[in-house]
Protein backbone atom coordinates (compact mmCIF):
# COMPACT_ATOMS: atom_id res chain seq x y z
CA MET A 1 -27.57 -91.04 105.13
CA PRO A 2 -28.48 -87.45 104.24
CA ARG A 3 -31.20 -86.72 101.72
CA PHE A 4 -30.51 -82.98 100.40
CA SER A 5 -32.90 -81.93 98.23
CA ASP A 6 -33.28 -80.63 94.84
CA ILE A 7 -34.45 -76.77 96.78
CA LEU A 8 -32.77 -73.79 96.94
CA ILE A 9 -34.52 -71.44 98.87
CA VAL A 10 -32.66 -67.55 97.77
CA ASP A 11 -34.48 -64.50 98.99
CA GLY A 12 -37.42 -66.44 100.67
CA HIS A 13 -37.98 -68.16 97.20
CA ALA A 14 -37.73 -71.89 96.15
CA PHE A 15 -36.39 -72.55 92.60
CA SER A 16 -35.22 -76.29 92.18
CA TRP A 17 -31.89 -76.81 90.77
CA LYS A 18 -32.43 -79.00 88.06
CA ARG A 19 -34.64 -76.95 86.93
CA LEU A 20 -32.46 -73.26 86.69
CA CYS A 21 -29.78 -76.16 85.27
CA ASP A 22 -31.94 -76.81 82.75
CA LEU A 23 -33.61 -73.44 82.01
CA ARG A 24 -29.44 -72.00 82.22
CA ARG A 25 -28.60 -74.59 79.32
CA ALA A 26 -31.36 -73.82 77.65
CA GLN A 27 -30.48 -70.66 77.91
CA LEU A 28 -26.68 -71.00 76.41
CA GLU A 29 -27.65 -72.89 73.62
CA ALA A 30 -30.20 -70.39 72.22
CA GLU A 31 -27.67 -68.00 72.24
CA ARG A 32 -24.85 -70.58 70.37
CA LYS A 33 -27.91 -70.96 68.03
CA ALA A 34 -28.50 -67.10 67.21
CA HIS A 35 -24.52 -65.95 66.72
CA ALA A 36 -24.25 -68.47 64.39
CA ALA A 37 -20.79 -68.31 61.81
CA GLN A 38 -20.45 -66.35 60.37
CA LEU A 39 -19.41 -67.32 56.01
CA ALA A 40 -15.57 -65.39 55.05
CA LEU A 41 -15.98 -62.75 52.54
CA PHE A 42 -11.96 -64.37 51.11
CA GLU A 43 -9.87 -66.33 52.32
CA ALA A 44 -7.49 -65.78 55.84
CA HIS A 45 -4.12 -65.62 55.17
CA ASP A 46 -0.81 -65.47 57.73
CA ASP A 47 1.14 -62.14 57.69
CA CYS A 48 4.29 -62.23 55.86
CA ARG A 49 5.46 -58.92 56.81
CA PRO A 50 8.98 -58.55 58.20
CA ALA A 51 8.01 -58.12 62.39
CA THR A 52 8.86 -54.41 62.66
CA GLU A 53 5.83 -53.79 59.42
CA ARG A 54 3.14 -55.64 60.88
CA THR A 55 1.62 -52.97 62.94
CA ALA A 56 1.48 -49.12 62.77
CA ALA A 57 2.73 -48.51 65.57
CA ILE A 58 5.85 -50.11 64.64
CA ARG A 59 5.96 -48.99 61.56
CA TYR A 60 5.62 -45.05 62.28
CA LEU A 61 8.81 -45.72 64.83
CA GLU A 62 10.74 -47.42 62.37
CA PRO A 63 12.60 -45.69 59.20
CA GLY A 64 10.32 -45.64 55.64
CA LEU A 65 11.11 -46.20 52.21
CA LEU A 66 10.51 -42.67 51.57
CA GLU A 67 12.30 -41.34 54.71
CA LEU A 68 16.15 -43.38 53.41
CA ILE A 69 15.91 -41.75 49.82
CA HIS A 70 15.57 -38.24 50.61
CA ARG A 71 18.93 -39.16 53.11
C-alpha cells in the first residue's frame, strides 16, 4: 500500500498540508471573530405594502395618489 506524504511542493518550496489546513482554520476563525454580529437598533418587520409599492422603480411606473386626484 503506497504511503502518501504530508508534504506539498509548490515552486520548489515544501509545505506541510496539515500545517496549511491548521493555518487556514485559524485565519477563518480570526475573521469570524473580527466580524462579530452587530445588534439591530430596532426590530425588523415584514414589508406589508402591495408588490407595486415595495421598490422605487415600480412605484415610479405606477400612478400615485396625486396623479389620480389631478385627473
